PDB file of N, CA and C in Angstrom:
ATOM      1  N   MET A   1     -23.498  -0.367   0.331  1.00  0.00           N
ATOM      2  CA  MET A   1     -22.677   0.525  -0.469  1.00  0.00           C
ATOM      3  C   MET A   1     -21.225   0.045  -0.425  1.00  0.00           C
ATOM      4  N   ALA A   2     -20.628  -0.123  -1.580  1.00  0.00           N
ATOM      5  CA  ALA A   2     -19.259  -0.627  -1.672  1.00  0.00           C
ATOM      6  C   ALA A   2     -18.259   0.436  -1.223  1.00  0.00           C
ATOM      7  N   LYS A   3     -17.194  -0.032  -0.594  1.00  0.00           N
ATOM      8  CA  LYS A   3     -16.137   0.887  -0.182  1.00  0.00           C
ATOM      9  C   LYS A   3     -15.310   1.289  -1.392  1.00  0.00           C
ATOM     10  N   GLU A   4     -14.883   2.528  -1.389  1.00  0.00           N
ATOM     11  CA  GLU A   4     -13.990   3.013  -2.431  1.00  0.00           C
ATOM     12  C   GLU A   4     -12.611   2.432  -2.179  1.00  0.00           C
ATOM     13  N   THR A   5     -12.034   1.809  -3.187  1.00  0.00           N
ATOM     14  CA  THR A   5     -10.691   1.255  -3.059  1.00  0.00           C
ATOM     15  C   THR A   5      -9.871   1.621  -4.288  1.00  0.00           C
ATOM     16  N   HIS A   6      -8.564   1.633  -4.090  1.00  0.00           N
ATOM     17  CA  HIS A   6      -7.613   1.841  -5.177  1.00  0.00           C
ATOM     18  C   HIS A   6      -6.608   0.708  -5.095  1.00  0.00           C
ATOM     19  N   THR A   7      -6.137   0.251  -6.242  1.00  0.00           N
ATOM     20  CA  THR A   7      -5.157  -0.830  -6.249  1.00  0.00           C
ATOM     21  C   THR A   7      -3.919  -0.428  -7.044  1.00  0.00           C
ATOM     22  N   TYR A   8      -2.803  -0.984  -6.605  1.00  0.00           N
ATOM     23  CA  TYR A   8      -1.496  -0.754  -7.238  1.00  0.00           C
ATOM     24  C   TYR A   8      -0.809  -2.108  -7.269  1.00  0.00           C
ATOM     25  N   SER A   9      -0.298  -2.510  -8.439  1.00  0.00           N
ATOM     26  CA  SER A   9       0.265  -3.855  -8.560  1.00  0.00           C
ATOM     27  C   SER A   9       1.675  -3.857  -9.131  1.00  0.00           C
ATOM     28  N   ASN A  10       2.427  -4.865  -8.714  1.00  0.00           N
ATOM     29  CA  ASN A  10       3.669  -5.230  -9.387  1.00  0.00           C
ATOM     30  C   ASN A  10       3.528  -6.700  -9.762  1.00  0.00           C
ATOM     31  N   ASP A  11       4.618  -7.373 -10.091  1.00  0.00           N
ATOM     32  CA  ASP A  11       4.518  -8.779 -10.498  1.00  0.00           C
ATOM     33  C   ASP A  11       4.086  -9.688  -9.355  1.00  0.00           C
ATOM     34  N   ASP A  12       4.385  -9.293  -8.119  1.00  0.00           N
ATOM     35  CA  ASP A  12       4.188 -10.173  -6.976  1.00  0.00           C
ATOM     36  C   ASP A  12       2.921  -9.927  -6.168  1.00  0.00           C
ATOM     37  N   ILE A  13       2.596  -8.648  -5.942  1.00  0.00           N
ATOM     38  CA  ILE A  13       1.477  -8.310  -5.057  1.00  0.00           C
ATOM     39  C   ILE A  13       0.608  -7.204  -5.635  1.00  0.00           C
ATOM     40  N   THR A  14      -0.576  -7.087  -5.071  1.00  0.00           N
ATOM     41  CA  THR A  14      -1.442  -5.946  -5.332  1.00  0.00           C
ATOM     42  C   THR A  14      -1.691  -5.262  -4.000  1.00  0.00           C
ATOM     43  N   ILE A  15      -1.409  -3.958  -3.954  1.00  0.00           N
ATOM     44  CA  ILE A  15      -1.684  -3.141  -2.779  1.00  0.00           C
ATOM     45  C   ILE A  15      -3.117  -2.644  -2.900  1.00  0.00           C
ATOM     46  N   ILE A  16      -3.849  -2.742  -1.813  1.00  0.00           N
ATOM     47  CA  ILE A  16      -5.222  -2.246  -1.764  1.00  0.00           C
ATOM     48  C   ILE A  16      -5.253  -1.088  -0.777  1.00  0.00           C
ATOM     49  N   TRP A  17      -5.721   0.057  -1.249  1.00  0.00           N
ATOM     50  CA  TRP A  17      -5.841   1.238  -0.386  1.00  0.00           C
ATOM     51  C   TRP A  17      -7.315   1.603  -0.267  1.00  0.00           C
ATOM     52  N   GLN A  18      -7.781   1.679   0.967  1.00  0.00           N
ATOM     53  CA  GLN A  18      -9.158   2.074   1.261  1.00  0.00           C
ATOM     54  C   GLN A  18      -9.114   3.446   1.952  1.00  0.00           C
ATOM     55  N   PRO A  19      -9.210   4.527   1.183  1.00  0.00           N
ATOM     56  CA  PRO A  19      -9.023   5.864   1.742  1.00  0.00           C
ATOM     57  C   PRO A  19      -9.955   6.190   2.903  1.00  0.00           C
ATOM     58  N   LYS A  20     -11.154   5.660   2.906  1.00  0.00           N
ATOM     59  CA  LYS A  20     -12.105   5.990   3.985  1.00  0.00           C
ATOM     60  C   LYS A  20     -11.668   5.422   5.327  1.00  0.00           C
ATOM     61  N   LEU A  21     -10.781   4.427   5.324  1.00  0.00           N
ATOM     62  CA  LEU A  21     -10.270   3.859   6.572  1.00  0.00           C
ATOM     63  C   LEU A  21      -9.022   4.571   7.074  1.00  0.00           C
ATOM     64  N   CYS A  22      -8.390   5.343   6.208  1.00  0.00           N
ATOM     65  CA  CYS A  22      -7.103   5.955   6.536  1.00  0.00           C
ATOM     66  C   CYS A  22      -7.232   6.986   7.657  1.00  0.00           C
ATOM     67  N   THR A  23      -6.366   6.864   8.666  1.00  0.00           N
ATOM     68  CA  THR A  23      -6.344   7.813   9.775  1.00  0.00           C
ATOM     69  C   THR A  23      -5.193   8.811   9.631  1.00  0.00           C
ATOM     70  N   HIS A  24      -4.478   8.751   8.525  1.00  0.00           N
ATOM     71  CA  HIS A  24      -3.395   9.688   8.210  1.00  0.00           C
ATOM     72  C   HIS A  24      -2.309   9.707   9.283  1.00  0.00           C
ATOM     73  N   SER A  25      -1.948   8.533   9.757  1.00  0.00           N
ATOM     74  CA  SER A  25      -0.868   8.428  10.742  1.00  0.00           C
ATOM     75  C   SER A  25       0.491   8.702  10.101  1.00  0.00           C
ATOM     76  N   ALA A  26       0.568   8.583   8.783  1.00  0.00           N
ATOM     77  CA  ALA A  26       1.792   8.793   7.997  1.00  0.00           C
ATOM     78  C   ALA A  26       2.839   7.718   8.249  1.00  0.00           C
ATOM     79  N   LYS A  27       2.458   6.637   8.887  1.00  0.00           N
ATOM     80  CA  LYS A  27       3.412   5.562   9.153  1.00  0.00           C
ATOM     81  C   LYS A  27       3.993   5.005   7.849  1.00  0.00           C
ATOM     82  N   CYS A  28       3.169   4.900   6.828  1.00  0.00           N
ATOM     83  CA  CYS A  28       3.652   4.387   5.540  1.00  0.00           C
ATOM     84  C   CYS A  28       4.675   5.337   4.923  1.00  0.00           C
ATOM     85  N   ALA A  29       4.349   6.632   4.892  1.00  0.00           N
ATOM     86  CA  ALA A  29       5.233   7.627   4.275  1.00  0.00           C
ATOM     87  C   ALA A  29       6.523   7.806   5.052  1.00  0.00           C
ATOM     88  N   LEU A  30       6.459   7.686   6.366  1.00  0.00           N
ATOM     89  CA  LEU A  30       7.672   7.797   7.175  1.00  0.00           C
ATOM     90  C   LEU A  30       8.538   6.546   7.050  1.00  0.00           C
ATOM     91  N   GLY A  31       7.911   5.396   6.889  1.00  0.00           N
ATOM     92  CA  GLY A  31       8.650   4.138   6.813  1.00  0.00           C
ATOM     93  C   GLY A  31       9.264   3.868   5.453  1.00  0.00           C
ATOM     94  N   LEU A  32       8.555   4.194   4.380  1.00  0.00           N
ATOM     95  CA  LEU A  32       9.054   3.987   3.017  1.00  0.00           C
ATOM     96  C   LEU A  32       8.697   5.207   2.167  1.00  0.00           C
ATOM     97  N   PRO A  33       9.380   6.325   2.398  1.00  0.00           N
ATOM     98  CA  PRO A  33       9.016   7.557   1.691  1.00  0.00           C
ATOM     99  C   PRO A  33       9.213   7.495   0.183  1.00  0.00           C
ATOM    100  N   GLN A  34      10.062   6.611  -0.289  1.00  0.00           N
ATOM    101  CA  GLN A  34      10.245   6.484  -1.734  1.00  0.00           C
ATOM    102  C   GLN A  34       9.051   5.800  -2.399  1.00  0.00           C
ATOM    103  N   VAL A  35       8.252   5.068  -1.628  1.00  0.00           N
ATOM    104  CA  VAL A  35       7.076   4.370  -2.149  1.00  0.00           C
ATOM    105  C   VAL A  35       5.797   5.160  -1.888  1.00  0.00           C
ATOM    106  N   PHE A  36       5.622   5.594  -0.654  1.00  0.00           N
ATOM    107  CA  PHE A  36       4.387   6.252  -0.240  1.00  0.00           C
ATOM    108  C   PHE A  36       4.596   7.764  -0.211  1.00  0.00           C
ATOM    109  N   GLN A  37       4.050   8.441  -1.216  1.00  0.00           N
ATOM    110  CA  GLN A  37       4.239   9.874  -1.400  1.00  0.00           C
ATOM    111  C   GLN A  37       2.867  10.545  -1.496  1.00  0.00           C
ATOM    112  N   PRO A  38       2.258  10.861  -0.341  1.00  0.00           N
ATOM    113  CA  PRO A  38       0.877  11.337  -0.305  1.00  0.00           C
ATOM    114  C   PRO A  38       0.574  12.581  -1.130  1.00  0.00           C
ATOM    115  N   ARG A  39       1.560  13.382  -1.428  1.00  0.00           N
ATOM    116  CA  ARG A  39       1.298  14.607  -2.203  1.00  0.00           C
ATOM    117  C   ARG A  39       1.286  14.374  -3.701  1.00  0.00           C
ATOM    118  N   ASP A  40       1.719  13.203  -4.133  1.00  0.00           N
ATOM    119  CA  ASP A  40       1.767  12.879  -5.563  1.00  0.00           C
ATOM    120  C   ASP A  40       0.537  12.084  -5.986  1.00  0.00           C
ATOM    121  N   ARG A  41       0.284  12.052  -7.265  1.00  0.00           N
ATOM    122  CA  ARG A  41      -0.744  11.190  -7.838  1.00  0.00           C
ATOM    123  C   ARG A  41      -0.149  10.474  -9.029  1.00  0.00           C
ATOM    124  N   PRO A  42      -0.122   9.165  -9.076  1.00  0.00           N
ATOM    125  CA  PRO A  42      -0.536   8.281  -7.994  1.00  0.00           C
ATOM    126  C   PRO A  42       0.432   8.390  -6.809  1.00  0.00           C
ATOM    127  N   TRP A  43      -0.074   8.191  -5.621  1.00  0.00           N
ATOM    128  CA  TRP A  43       0.740   8.418  -4.430  1.00  0.00           C
ATOM    129  C   TRP A  43       1.563   7.205  -4.019  1.00  0.00           C
ATOM    130  N   ILE A  44       1.255   6.043  -4.563  1.00  0.00           N
ATOM    131  CA  ILE A  44       2.033   4.833  -4.261  1.00  0.00           C
ATOM    132  C   ILE A  44       2.883   4.488  -5.473  1.00  0.00           C
ATOM    133  N   LYS A  45       4.200   4.483  -5.272  1.00  0.00           N
ATOM    134  CA  LYS A  45       5.171   4.142  -6.321  1.00  0.00           C
ATOM    135  C   LYS A  45       5.679   2.732  -6.027  1.00  0.00           C
ATOM    136  N   ILE A  46       4.931   1.751  -6.460  1.00  0.00           N
ATOM    137  CA  ILE A  46       5.189   0.360  -6.069  1.00  0.00           C
ATOM    138  C   ILE A  46       6.528  -0.167  -6.589  1.00  0.00           C
ATOM    139  N   ASP A  47       7.093   0.475  -7.575  1.00  0.00           N
ATOM    140  CA  ASP A  47       8.363   0.004  -8.134  1.00  0.00           C
ATOM    141  C   ASP A  47       9.592   0.604  -7.448  1.00  0.00           C
ATOM    142  N   GLN A  48       9.402   1.331  -6.348  1.00  0.00           N
ATOM    143  CA  GLN A  48      10.518   2.011  -5.689  1.00  0.00           C
ATOM    144  C   GLN A  48      11.092   1.263  -4.475  1.00  0.00           C
ATOM    145  N   ALA A  49      10.636   0.044  -4.224  1.00  0.00           N
ATOM    146  CA  ALA A  49      11.178  -0.778  -3.137  1.00  0.00           C
ATOM    147  C   ALA A  49      10.897  -2.231  -3.478  1.00  0.00           C
ATOM    148  N   THR A  50      11.511  -3.121  -2.730  1.00  0.00           N
ATOM    149  CA  THR A  50      11.264  -4.542  -2.967  1.00  0.00           C
ATOM    150  C   THR A  50       9.872  -4.918  -2.470  1.00  0.00           C
ATOM    151  N   THR A  51       9.351  -5.967  -3.009  1.00  0.00           N
ATOM    152  CA  THR A  51       8.046  -6.462  -2.566  1.00  0.00           C
ATOM    153  C   THR A  51       8.065  -6.753  -1.073  1.00  0.00           C
ATOM    154  N   GLU A  52       9.132  -7.340  -0.573  1.00  0.00           N
ATOM    155  CA  GLU A  52       9.214  -7.662   0.855  1.00  0.00           C
ATOM    156  C   GLU A  52       9.207  -6.409   1.723  1.00  0.00           C
ATOM    157  N   GLN A  53       9.903  -5.372   1.285  1.00  0.00           N
ATOM    158  CA  GLN A  53       9.891  -4.103   2.033  1.00  0.00           C
ATOM    159  C   GLN A  53       8.488  -3.500   2.061  1.00  0.00           C
ATOM    160  N   ILE A  54       7.817  -3.536   0.935  1.00  0.00           N
ATOM    161  CA  ILE A  54       6.468  -2.974   0.843  1.00  0.00           C
ATOM    162  C   ILE A  54       5.499  -3.763   1.718  1.00  0.00           C
ATOM    163  N   LYS A  55       5.559  -5.081   1.647  1.00  0.00           N
ATOM    164  CA  LYS A  55       4.675  -5.909   2.474  1.00  0.00           C
ATOM    165  C   LYS A  55       4.881  -5.623   3.954  1.00  0.00           C
ATOM    166  N   ALA A  56       6.131  -5.542   4.370  1.00  0.00           N
ATOM    167  CA  ALA A  56       6.435  -5.283   5.781  1.00  0.00           C
ATOM    168  C   ALA A  56       5.889  -3.932   6.222  1.00  0.00           C
ATOM    169  N   GLN A  57       6.015  -2.912   5.373  1.00  0.00           N
ATOM    170  CA  GLN A  57       5.516  -1.587   5.740  1.00  0.00           C
ATOM    171  C   GLN A  57       3.994  -1.565   5.789  1.00  0.00           C
ATOM    172  N   ILE A  58       3.356  -2.172   4.826  1.00  0.00           N
ATOM    173  CA  ILE A  58       1.892  -2.217   4.811  1.00  0.00           C
ATOM    174  C   ILE A  58       1.359  -2.949   6.043  1.00  0.00           C
ATOM    175  N   ASP A  59       2.063  -3.981   6.462  1.00  0.00           N
ATOM    176  CA  ASP A  59       1.635  -4.731   7.649  1.00  0.00           C
ATOM    177  C   ASP A  59       1.663  -3.874   8.913  1.00  0.00           C
ATOM    178  N   GLU A  60       2.339  -2.726   8.864  1.00  0.00           N
ATOM    179  CA  GLU A  60       2.404  -1.805  10.007  1.00  0.00           C
ATOM    180  C   GLU A  60       1.285  -0.753   9.991  1.00  0.00           C
ATOM    181  N   CYS A  61       0.443  -0.751   8.973  1.00  0.00           N
ATOM    182  CA  CYS A  61      -0.612   0.258   8.852  1.00  0.00           C
ATOM    183  C   CYS A  61      -1.589   0.112  10.017  1.00  0.00           C
ATOM    184  N   PRO A  62      -1.697   1.141  10.877  1.00  0.00           N
ATOM    185  CA  PRO A  62      -2.527   1.017  12.071  1.00  0.00           C
ATOM    186  C   PRO A  62      -4.031   0.988  11.801  1.00  0.00           C
ATOM    187  N   SER A  63      -4.479   1.561  10.696  1.00  0.00           N
ATOM    188  CA  SER A  63      -5.915   1.640  10.425  1.00  0.00           C
ATOM    189  C   SER A  63      -6.435   0.499   9.559  1.00  0.00           C
ATOM    190  N   GLY A  64      -5.518  -0.208   8.884  1.00  0.00           N
ATOM    191  CA  GLY A  64      -5.951  -1.234   7.942  1.00  0.00           C
ATOM    192  C   GLY A  64      -6.343  -0.659   6.590  1.00  0.00           C
ATOM    193  N   ALA A  65      -6.086   0.633   6.376  1.00  0.00           N
ATOM    194  CA  ALA A  65      -6.415   1.254   5.092  1.00  0.00           C
ATOM    195  C   ALA A  65      -5.554   0.698   3.965  1.00  0.00           C
ATOM    196  N   LEU A  66      -4.351   0.269   4.299  1.00  0.00           N
ATOM    197  CA  LEU A  66      -3.469  -0.370   3.325  1.00  0.00           C
ATOM    198  C   LEU A  66      -3.402  -1.864   3.626  1.00  0.00           C
ATOM    199  N   SER A  67      -3.543  -2.647   2.578  1.00  0.00           N
ATOM    200  CA  SER A  67      -3.371  -4.090   2.705  1.00  0.00           C
ATOM    201  C   SER A  67      -2.772  -4.591   1.398  1.00  0.00           C
ATOM    202  N   TRP A  68      -2.408  -5.843   1.370  1.00  0.00           N
ATOM    203  CA  TRP A  68      -1.849  -6.407   0.147  1.00  0.00           C
ATOM    204  C   TRP A  68      -2.331  -7.846  -0.006  1.00  0.00           C
ATOM    205  N   VAL A  69      -2.365  -8.279  -1.250  1.00  0.00           N
ATOM    206  CA  VAL A  69      -2.697  -9.662  -1.571  1.00  0.00           C
ATOM    207  C   VAL A  69      -1.675 -10.162  -2.587  1.00  0.00           C
ATOM    208  N   PRO A  70      -1.319 -11.442  -2.505  1.00  0.00           N
ATOM    209  CA  PRO A  70      -0.394 -11.984  -3.504  1.00  0.00           C
ATOM    210  C   PRO A  70      -1.083 -12.098  -4.861  1.00  0.00           C
ATOM    211  N   ASN A  71      -0.351 -11.848  -5.913  1.00  0.00           N
ATOM    212  CA  ASN A  71      -0.900 -11.997  -7.268  1.00  0.00           C
ATOM    213  C   ASN A  71      -0.925 -13.462  -7.705  1.00  0.00           C
ATOM    214  N   HIS A  72      -0.063 -14.273  -7.113  1.00  0.00           N
ATOM    215  CA  HIS A  72       0.032 -15.688  -7.459  1.00  0.00           C
ATOM    216  C   HIS A  72      -0.030 -16.511  -6.173  1.00  0.00           C
ATOM    217  N   PRO A  73      -1.195 -16.653  -5.557  1.00  0.00           N
ATOM    218  CA  PRO A  73      -1.284 -17.296  -4.244  1.00  0.00           C
ATOM    219  C   PRO A  73      -0.843 -18.756  -4.228  1.00  0.00           C
ATOM    220  N   ASP A  74      -0.780 -19.388  -5.379  1.00  0.00           N
ATOM    221  CA  ASP A  74      -0.374 -20.794  -5.419  1.00  0.00           C
ATOM    222  C   ASP A  74       1.136 -20.979  -5.459  1.00  0.00           C
ATOM    223  N   GLN A  75       1.903 -19.904  -5.495  1.00  0.00           N
ATOM    224  CA  GLN A  75       3.366 -20.020  -5.553  1.00  0.00           C
ATOM    225  C   GLN A  75       3.983 -19.829  -4.205  1.00  0.00           C
TER     226      GLN A  75
END
């Protein structure tokens, strides 16, 4: 059975959210509240911070529910 995932993209990266892995630590929302807004839909506002800020915050996700991949891996 495939995991449920949601994706959010800008020009540089695609954020992958796997809700079933989320432990609701709120680390993302506390670290970048302008991007990660759990009460809103869509809850990730990828255009509200730089790609580097978003990548750094996602890398802090303790559960691995949030991850990112480059849109242009050859660059």
